[in-house]
Structures are given as C-alpha cells and as structure tokens.
Amino acid sequence: MKTAWPILPFPCALSSGDRRAARKDLLSALRVSGSPVIVDFSSCPTLNHEDIDLLLECVAQVAGRDTQVLFVAGSRANRVLLEVTRISSLVMVFNSVKEALAYPQIAAEAENDIKDTEDRRANQSQRLWSA
C-alpha cells in the first residue's frame, strides 16, 4: 500500500538489545517526520508495560508539534488496552492500516462539508438582510 504517510511497525517481542535499537529508530522517525505517522501494532498480539511506556514516549515526541501520530491497534486486545489506558483520548486509534489511511480523506471531506455549510448559512443570512 503506497502512501505519503510513513507506516512504522511497532517493535514488540524483541530481545532487550533489539528493543532498544527499535525504540531508538521509532522515536527518531517521529522526531524528524514533518508529516503524520502511522504506528502499526498489527504484529503485536498484546502490549505489555514496556510497550505502553514506549507509546507514551511516542505521544510525547509529537506533542506540541505539527506532526500527528495515528495508532493501528491490530487486535481487539490492543484496542481495549489503548482505551482503558486512555491513550485513545490522546491519539486517534484505528483497527487497520487501511482505515488509518482513509482518515485524512475523511477528515478533509468533513472539513469541506463544514465549510460548505458555513458558506450556505452566510449566503442565507445575507439574503435575509438584503430583503
């Protein structure tokens, strides 16, 4: 699936040395990215406390910047965990990469719909005042 948004696999079930390297790569990618980033948990059937710590670091890495991070839960267990820990209140969480990739298009369409509605209301208001 080709996209302008980077899709980063979440490093889970790794040895401690591999995990440190993957953590460094993930945080570095978030640091330098100017576009939204999708972090994909599809290869992780469940998340542990170290994973949650890394997720919070990812959120902190993009906080206050123009970069947006989206999470792909990949499993029902991960989705529930992200909701229980309230991470889903900080970051958009999707069930699949396909769903996450559709998000910018849906958001843009919703923004256009809002703008169209506002334009129609302004035109109606002008007609009422000019009558």
N, C-alpha and C. Protein backbone atom coordinates (compact mmCIF):
# COMPACT_ATOMS: atom_id res chain seq x y z
N MET A 1 0.84 -1.17 0.00
CA MET A 1 0.00 0.00 0.00
C MET A 1 0.89 1.24 0.00
N LYS A 2 0.78 2.06 -1.03
CA LYS A 2 1.64 3.23 -1.16
C LYS A 2 0.96 4.44 -0.53
N THR A 3 1.72 5.16 0.29
CA THR A 3 1.19 6.32 0.97
C THR A 3 2.29 7.32 1.23
N ALA A 4 1.91 8.59 1.37
CA ALA A 4 2.88 9.61 1.73
C ALA A 4 3.14 9.59 3.23
N TRP A 5 2.26 8.98 3.97
CA TRP A 5 2.42 8.88 5.42
C TRP A 5 3.30 7.70 5.75
N PRO A 6 4.35 7.90 6.55
CA PRO A 6 5.17 6.75 6.96
C PRO A 6 4.36 5.81 7.85
N ILE A 7 4.52 4.51 7.61
CA ILE A 7 3.90 3.49 8.45
C ILE A 7 5.03 2.78 9.18
N LEU A 8 5.07 2.94 10.50
CA LEU A 8 6.14 2.37 11.30
C LEU A 8 5.63 1.18 12.08
N PRO A 9 6.25 0.01 11.89
CA PRO A 9 5.83 -1.15 12.69
C PRO A 9 6.27 -0.95 14.14
N PHE A 10 5.40 -1.32 15.07
CA PHE A 10 5.74 -1.17 16.48
C PHE A 10 6.64 -2.33 16.90
N PRO A 11 7.76 -2.03 17.58
CA PRO A 11 8.70 -3.08 17.98
C PRO A 11 8.21 -3.82 19.23
N CYS A 12 7.72 -5.03 19.03
CA CYS A 12 7.29 -5.82 20.18
C CYS A 12 7.96 -7.20 20.12
N ALA A 13 7.95 -7.87 21.23
CA ALA A 13 8.50 -9.23 21.33
C ALA A 13 9.95 -9.31 20.83
N LEU A 14 10.75 -8.35 21.24
CA LEU A 14 12.15 -8.34 20.85
C LEU A 14 13.02 -8.57 22.08
N SER A 15 14.26 -8.98 21.83
CA SER A 15 15.21 -9.06 22.93
C SER A 15 15.51 -7.63 23.40
N SER A 16 16.08 -7.49 24.58
CA SER A 16 16.30 -6.14 25.13
C SER A 16 17.20 -5.29 24.24
N GLY A 17 18.24 -5.87 23.65
CA GLY A 17 19.13 -5.11 22.76
C GLY A 17 18.42 -4.69 21.49
N ASP A 18 17.68 -5.62 20.88
CA ASP A 18 16.92 -5.29 19.68
C ASP A 18 15.83 -4.27 19.98
N ARG A 19 15.24 -4.41 21.15
CA ARG A 19 14.17 -3.50 21.55
C ARG A 19 14.69 -2.07 21.69
N ARG A 20 15.88 -1.91 22.29
CA ARG A 20 16.46 -0.57 22.43
C ARG A 20 16.72 0.05 21.06
N ALA A 21 17.25 -0.74 20.15
CA ALA A 21 17.53 -0.22 18.80
C ALA A 21 16.23 0.14 18.08
N ALA A 22 15.21 -0.71 18.20
CA ALA A 22 13.93 -0.43 17.54
C ALA A 22 13.26 0.79 18.15
N ARG A 23 13.37 0.94 19.48
CA ARG A 23 12.81 2.11 20.17
C ARG A 23 13.48 3.38 19.66
N LYS A 24 14.80 3.34 19.55
CA LYS A 24 15.56 4.49 19.06
C LYS A 24 15.13 4.85 17.64
N ASP A 25 14.98 3.83 16.78
CA ASP A 25 14.56 4.07 15.39
C ASP A 25 13.16 4.68 15.33
N LEU A 26 12.24 4.15 16.14
CA LEU A 26 10.87 4.64 16.14
C LEU A 26 10.80 6.10 16.60
N LEU A 27 11.44 6.40 17.70
CA LEU A 27 11.41 7.78 18.22
C LEU A 27 12.13 8.74 17.28
N SER A 28 13.19 8.29 16.66
CA SER A 28 13.91 9.13 15.70
C SER A 28 13.03 9.44 14.48
N ALA A 29 12.32 8.42 13.99
CA ALA A 29 11.43 8.63 12.84
C ALA A 29 10.33 9.63 13.18
N LEU A 30 9.80 9.55 14.40
CA LEU A 30 8.78 10.51 14.82
C LEU A 30 9.36 11.91 14.96
N ARG A 31 10.58 12.00 15.42
CA ARG A 31 11.23 13.29 15.65
C ARG A 31 11.44 14.03 14.34
N VAL A 32 11.85 13.35 13.30
CA VAL A 32 12.21 14.02 12.04
C VAL A 32 11.04 14.14 11.06
N SER A 33 9.97 13.43 11.32
CA SER A 33 8.86 13.45 10.37
C SER A 33 8.09 14.75 10.46
N GLY A 34 7.84 15.34 9.31
CA GLY A 34 7.01 16.54 9.24
C GLY A 34 5.58 16.20 8.87
N SER A 35 5.37 14.97 8.45
CA SER A 35 4.03 14.54 8.07
C SER A 35 3.49 13.59 9.13
N PRO A 36 2.19 13.34 9.11
CA PRO A 36 1.62 12.39 10.07
C PRO A 36 2.27 11.02 9.93
N VAL A 37 2.34 10.31 11.04
CA VAL A 37 2.98 9.00 11.09
C VAL A 37 1.97 7.99 11.63
N ILE A 38 1.92 6.83 11.00
CA ILE A 38 1.07 5.73 11.46
C ILE A 38 1.97 4.71 12.15
N VAL A 39 1.65 4.41 13.42
CA VAL A 39 2.38 3.38 14.16
C VAL A 39 1.47 2.16 14.18
N ASP A 40 1.98 1.05 13.62
CA ASP A 40 1.18 -0.16 13.40
C ASP A 40 1.53 -1.24 14.42
N PHE A 41 0.53 -1.67 15.20
CA PHE A 41 0.70 -2.73 16.20
C PHE A 41 0.23 -4.09 15.69
N SER A 42 -0.02 -4.21 14.40
CA SER A 42 -0.58 -5.44 13.85
C SER A 42 0.26 -6.68 14.15
N SER A 43 1.56 -6.51 14.29
CA SER A 43 2.42 -7.66 14.57
C SER A 43 2.51 -7.96 16.07
N CYS A 44 1.81 -7.19 16.89
CA CYS A 44 1.83 -7.38 18.34
C CYS A 44 0.46 -7.87 18.81
N PRO A 45 0.34 -9.12 19.18
CA PRO A 45 -0.97 -9.61 19.64
C PRO A 45 -1.42 -8.94 20.94
N THR A 46 -0.47 -8.61 21.81
CA THR A 46 -0.77 -7.90 23.06
C THR A 46 0.36 -6.93 23.35
N LEU A 47 0.08 -5.98 24.22
CA LEU A 47 1.08 -5.00 24.62
C LEU A 47 1.36 -5.15 26.11
N ASN A 48 2.62 -4.95 26.51
CA ASN A 48 2.98 -5.03 27.92
C ASN A 48 3.32 -3.64 28.45
N HIS A 49 3.76 -3.56 29.70
CA HIS A 49 4.05 -2.25 30.31
C HIS A 49 5.17 -1.50 29.60
N GLU A 50 6.17 -2.22 29.07
CA GLU A 50 7.23 -1.55 28.32
C GLU A 50 6.69 -0.95 27.03
N ASP A 51 5.74 -1.65 26.41
CA ASP A 51 5.10 -1.15 25.19
C ASP A 51 4.31 0.13 25.48
N ILE A 52 3.58 0.13 26.58
CA ILE A 52 2.80 1.31 26.96
C ILE A 52 3.73 2.49 27.23
N ASP A 53 4.85 2.24 27.90
CA ASP A 53 5.83 3.31 28.12
C ASP A 53 6.31 3.89 26.80
N LEU A 54 6.60 3.02 25.85
CA LEU A 54 7.07 3.48 24.54
C LEU A 54 5.96 4.25 23.81
N LEU A 55 4.72 3.79 23.93
CA LEU A 55 3.60 4.51 23.31
C LEU A 55 3.51 5.94 23.86
N LEU A 56 3.64 6.06 25.15
CA LEU A 56 3.58 7.39 25.77
C LEU A 56 4.75 8.26 25.33
N GLU A 57 5.92 7.65 25.13
CA GLU A 57 7.05 8.41 24.60
C GLU A 57 6.76 8.89 23.18
N CYS A 58 6.10 8.04 22.38
CA CYS A 58 5.73 8.43 21.02
C CYS A 58 4.79 9.62 21.04
N VAL A 59 3.80 9.58 21.92
CA VAL A 59 2.84 10.68 22.04
C VAL A 59 3.57 11.95 22.47
N ALA A 60 4.46 11.83 23.45
CA ALA A 60 5.22 12.98 23.94
C ALA A 60 6.13 13.54 22.85
N GLN A 61 6.66 12.68 22.00
CA GLN A 61 7.57 13.09 20.94
C GLN A 61 6.90 14.04 19.96
N VAL A 62 5.61 13.82 19.68
CA VAL A 62 4.92 14.65 18.70
C VAL A 62 4.08 15.76 19.34
N ALA A 63 3.95 15.75 20.66
CA ALA A 63 3.15 16.77 21.35
C ALA A 63 3.72 18.16 21.10
N GLY A 64 2.84 19.09 20.80
CA GLY A 64 3.26 20.46 20.59
C GLY A 64 3.91 20.72 19.25
N ARG A 65 3.89 19.74 18.37
CA ARG A 65 4.44 19.92 17.03
C ARG A 65 3.33 19.74 16.02
N ASP A 66 3.64 20.06 14.76
CA ASP A 66 2.66 19.89 13.70
C ASP A 66 2.50 18.44 13.27
N THR A 67 3.33 17.57 13.80
CA THR A 67 3.26 16.16 13.43
C THR A 67 2.12 15.48 14.17
N GLN A 68 1.42 14.63 13.46
CA GLN A 68 0.32 13.87 14.05
C GLN A 68 0.70 12.40 14.03
N VAL A 69 0.37 11.68 15.09
CA VAL A 69 0.63 10.24 15.13
C VAL A 69 -0.71 9.53 15.23
N LEU A 70 -0.86 8.47 14.44
CA LEU A 70 -2.05 7.64 14.45
C LEU A 70 -1.62 6.23 14.83
N PHE A 71 -2.41 5.55 15.64
CA PHE A 71 -2.10 4.18 16.04
C PHE A 71 -3.05 3.21 15.36
N VAL A 72 -2.51 2.09 14.90
CA VAL A 72 -3.32 0.99 14.38
C VAL A 72 -3.24 -0.12 15.42
N ALA A 73 -4.36 -0.39 16.08
CA ALA A 73 -4.38 -1.34 17.20
C ALA A 73 -3.99 -2.74 16.75
N GLY A 74 -4.51 -3.20 15.65
CA GLY A 74 -4.14 -4.52 15.13
C GLY A 74 -4.86 -5.68 15.77
N SER A 75 -5.36 -5.52 17.00
CA SER A 75 -6.12 -6.58 17.65
C SER A 75 -7.12 -5.96 18.62
N ARG A 76 -8.13 -6.73 18.92
CA ARG A 76 -9.15 -6.24 19.87
C ARG A 76 -8.53 -6.01 21.25
N ALA A 77 -7.62 -6.89 21.66
CA ALA A 77 -6.96 -6.75 22.96
C ALA A 77 -6.19 -5.44 23.03
N ASN A 78 -5.47 -5.11 21.97
CA ASN A 78 -4.72 -3.85 21.94
C ASN A 78 -5.67 -2.65 21.96
N ARG A 79 -6.74 -2.75 21.21
CA ARG A 79 -7.72 -1.66 21.15
C ARG A 79 -8.28 -1.38 22.54
N VAL A 80 -8.67 -2.44 23.25
CA VAL A 80 -9.22 -2.30 24.60
C VAL A 80 -8.17 -1.70 25.53
N LEU A 81 -6.94 -2.18 25.44
CA LEU A 81 -5.87 -1.66 26.30
C LEU A 81 -5.63 -0.17 26.04
N LEU A 82 -5.66 0.24 24.78
CA LEU A 82 -5.47 1.65 24.45
C LEU A 82 -6.63 2.50 24.98
N GLU A 83 -7.82 1.93 25.03
CA GLU A 83 -8.96 2.65 25.57
C GLU A 83 -8.91 2.71 27.09
N VAL A 84 -8.56 1.59 27.74
CA VAL A 84 -8.50 1.54 29.20
C VAL A 84 -7.42 2.47 29.74
N THR A 85 -6.28 2.54 29.06
CA THR A 85 -5.19 3.42 29.49
C THR A 85 -5.43 4.86 29.05
N ARG A 86 -6.50 5.09 28.32
CA ARG A 86 -6.91 6.42 27.83
C ARG A 86 -5.94 7.01 26.82
N ILE A 87 -5.08 6.19 26.27
CA ILE A 87 -4.20 6.66 25.20
C ILE A 87 -5.05 7.05 23.99
N SER A 88 -6.18 6.35 23.81
CA SER A 88 -7.05 6.67 22.68
C SER A 88 -7.67 8.06 22.79
N SER A 89 -7.60 8.69 23.98
CA SER A 89 -8.09 10.06 24.10
C SER A 89 -7.02 11.07 23.67
N LEU A 90 -5.79 10.60 23.51
CA LEU A 90 -4.69 11.47 23.09
C LEU A 90 -4.34 11.30 21.62
N VAL A 91 -4.57 10.09 21.10
CA VAL A 91 -4.15 9.73 19.75
C VAL A 91 -5.30 9.00 19.06
N MET A 92 -5.50 9.28 17.78
CA MET A 92 -6.50 8.54 17.01
C MET A 92 -6.06 7.09 16.90
N VAL A 93 -6.98 6.16 17.19
CA VAL A 93 -6.68 4.73 17.13
C VAL A 93 -7.61 4.09 16.10
N PHE A 94 -7.02 3.30 15.20
CA PHE A 94 -7.77 2.64 14.14
C PHE A 94 -7.59 1.14 14.25
N ASN A 95 -8.49 0.40 13.60
CA ASN A 95 -8.42 -1.05 13.63
C ASN A 95 -7.47 -1.62 12.58
N SER A 96 -7.26 -0.87 11.50
CA SER A 96 -6.41 -1.37 10.41
C SER A 96 -5.65 -0.21 9.77
N VAL A 97 -4.59 -0.55 9.05
CA VAL A 97 -3.82 0.46 8.33
C VAL A 97 -4.70 1.10 7.26
N LYS A 98 -5.52 0.30 6.60
CA LYS A 98 -6.42 0.82 5.56
C LYS A 98 -7.35 1.89 6.14
N GLU A 99 -7.89 1.63 7.32
CA GLU A 99 -8.77 2.59 7.99
C GLU A 99 -8.00 3.86 8.35
N ALA A 100 -6.78 3.72 8.83
CA ALA A 100 -5.97 4.89 9.19
C ALA A 100 -5.63 5.72 7.96
N LEU A 101 -5.36 5.07 6.85
CA LEU A 101 -5.03 5.79 5.63
C LEU A 101 -6.24 6.52 5.06
N ALA A 102 -7.44 6.04 5.37
CA ALA A 102 -8.66 6.70 4.91
C ALA A 102 -8.95 7.94 5.75
N TYR A 103 -8.37 8.03 6.94
CA TYR A 103 -8.65 9.12 7.86
C TYR A 103 -8.42 10.51 7.26
N PRO A 104 -7.28 10.77 6.62
CA PRO A 104 -7.09 12.14 6.12
C PRO A 104 -8.12 12.52 5.07
N GLN A 105 -8.53 11.57 4.26
CA GLN A 105 -9.54 11.84 3.25
C GLN A 105 -10.89 12.13 3.91
N ILE A 106 -11.24 11.34 4.92
CA ILE A 106 -12.49 11.55 5.64
C ILE A 106 -12.47 12.89 6.37
N ALA A 107 -11.33 13.19 7.02
CA ALA A 107 -11.20 14.45 7.75
C ALA A 107 -11.30 15.63 6.79
N ALA A 108 -10.67 15.53 5.62
CA ALA A 108 -10.72 16.61 4.64
C ALA A 108 -12.14 16.79 4.12
N GLU A 109 -12.85 15.67 3.87
CA GLU A 109 -14.22 15.76 3.40
C GLU A 109 -15.11 16.39 4.46
N ALA A 110 -14.91 16.02 5.73
CA ALA A 110 -15.70 16.60 6.82
C ALA A 110 -15.43 18.10 6.93
N GLU A 111 -14.16 18.49 6.79
CA GLU A 111 -13.81 19.90 6.84
C GLU A 111 -14.47 20.67 5.70
N ASN A 112 -14.47 20.08 4.50
CA ASN A 112 -15.13 20.71 3.35
C ASN A 112 -16.63 20.83 3.58
N ASP A 113 -17.25 19.78 4.18
CA ASP A 113 -18.68 19.82 4.46
C ASP A 113 -19.00 20.96 5.44
N ILE A 114 -18.17 21.12 6.46
CA ILE A 114 -18.37 22.19 7.44
C ILE A 114 -18.25 23.55 6.76
N LYS A 115 -17.23 23.70 5.90
CA LYS A 115 -17.04 24.96 5.19
C LYS A 115 -18.22 25.26 4.27
N ASP A 116 -18.71 24.24 3.56
CA ASP A 116 -19.86 24.42 2.68
C ASP A 116 -21.09 24.84 3.47
N THR A 117 -21.30 24.22 4.62
CA THR A 117 -22.45 24.57 5.47
C THR A 117 -22.33 26.01 5.96
N GLU A 118 -21.14 26.40 6.38
CA GLU A 118 -20.93 27.78 6.84
C GLU A 118 -21.16 28.77 5.70
N ASP A 119 -20.69 28.43 4.50
CA ASP A 119 -20.89 29.31 3.34
C ASP A 119 -22.38 29.46 3.02
N ARG A 120 -23.12 28.35 3.07
CA ARG A 120 -24.56 28.41 2.80
C ARG A 120 -25.28 29.27 3.84
N ARG A 121 -24.90 29.12 5.11
CA ARG A 121 -25.53 29.92 6.16
C ARG A 121 -25.22 31.40 5.96
N ALA A 122 -23.99 31.72 5.60
CA ALA A 122 -23.62 33.13 5.36
C ALA A 122 -24.42 33.69 4.21
N ASN A 123 -24.59 32.91 3.13
CA ASN A 123 -25.37 33.37 1.97
C ASN A 123 -26.83 33.58 2.35
N GLN A 124 -27.40 32.66 3.14
CA GLN A 124 -28.79 32.81 3.57
C GLN A 124 -28.95 34.05 4.44
N SER A 125 -28.00 34.28 5.31
CA SER A 125 -28.03 35.45 6.20
C SER A 125 -27.98 36.73 5.39
N GLN A 126 -27.13 36.77 4.37
CA GLN A 126 -27.02 37.96 3.53
C GLN A 126 -28.32 38.22 2.77
N ARG A 127 -28.96 37.14 2.29
CA ARG A 127 -30.23 37.30 1.57
C ARG A 127 -31.31 37.83 2.50
N LEU A 128 -31.34 37.34 3.75
CA LEU A 128 -32.34 37.81 4.70
C LEU A 128 -32.16 39.29 5.00
N TRP A 129 -30.94 39.73 5.17
CA TRP A 129 -30.68 41.14 5.49
C TRP A 129 -30.89 42.06 4.30
N SER A 130 -30.72 41.55 3.11
CA SER A 130 -30.87 42.41 1.94
C SER A 130 -32.32 42.50 1.47
N ALA A 131 -33.18 41.65 2.00
CA ALA A 131 -34.60 41.64 1.57
C ALA A 131 -35.41 42.71 2.17
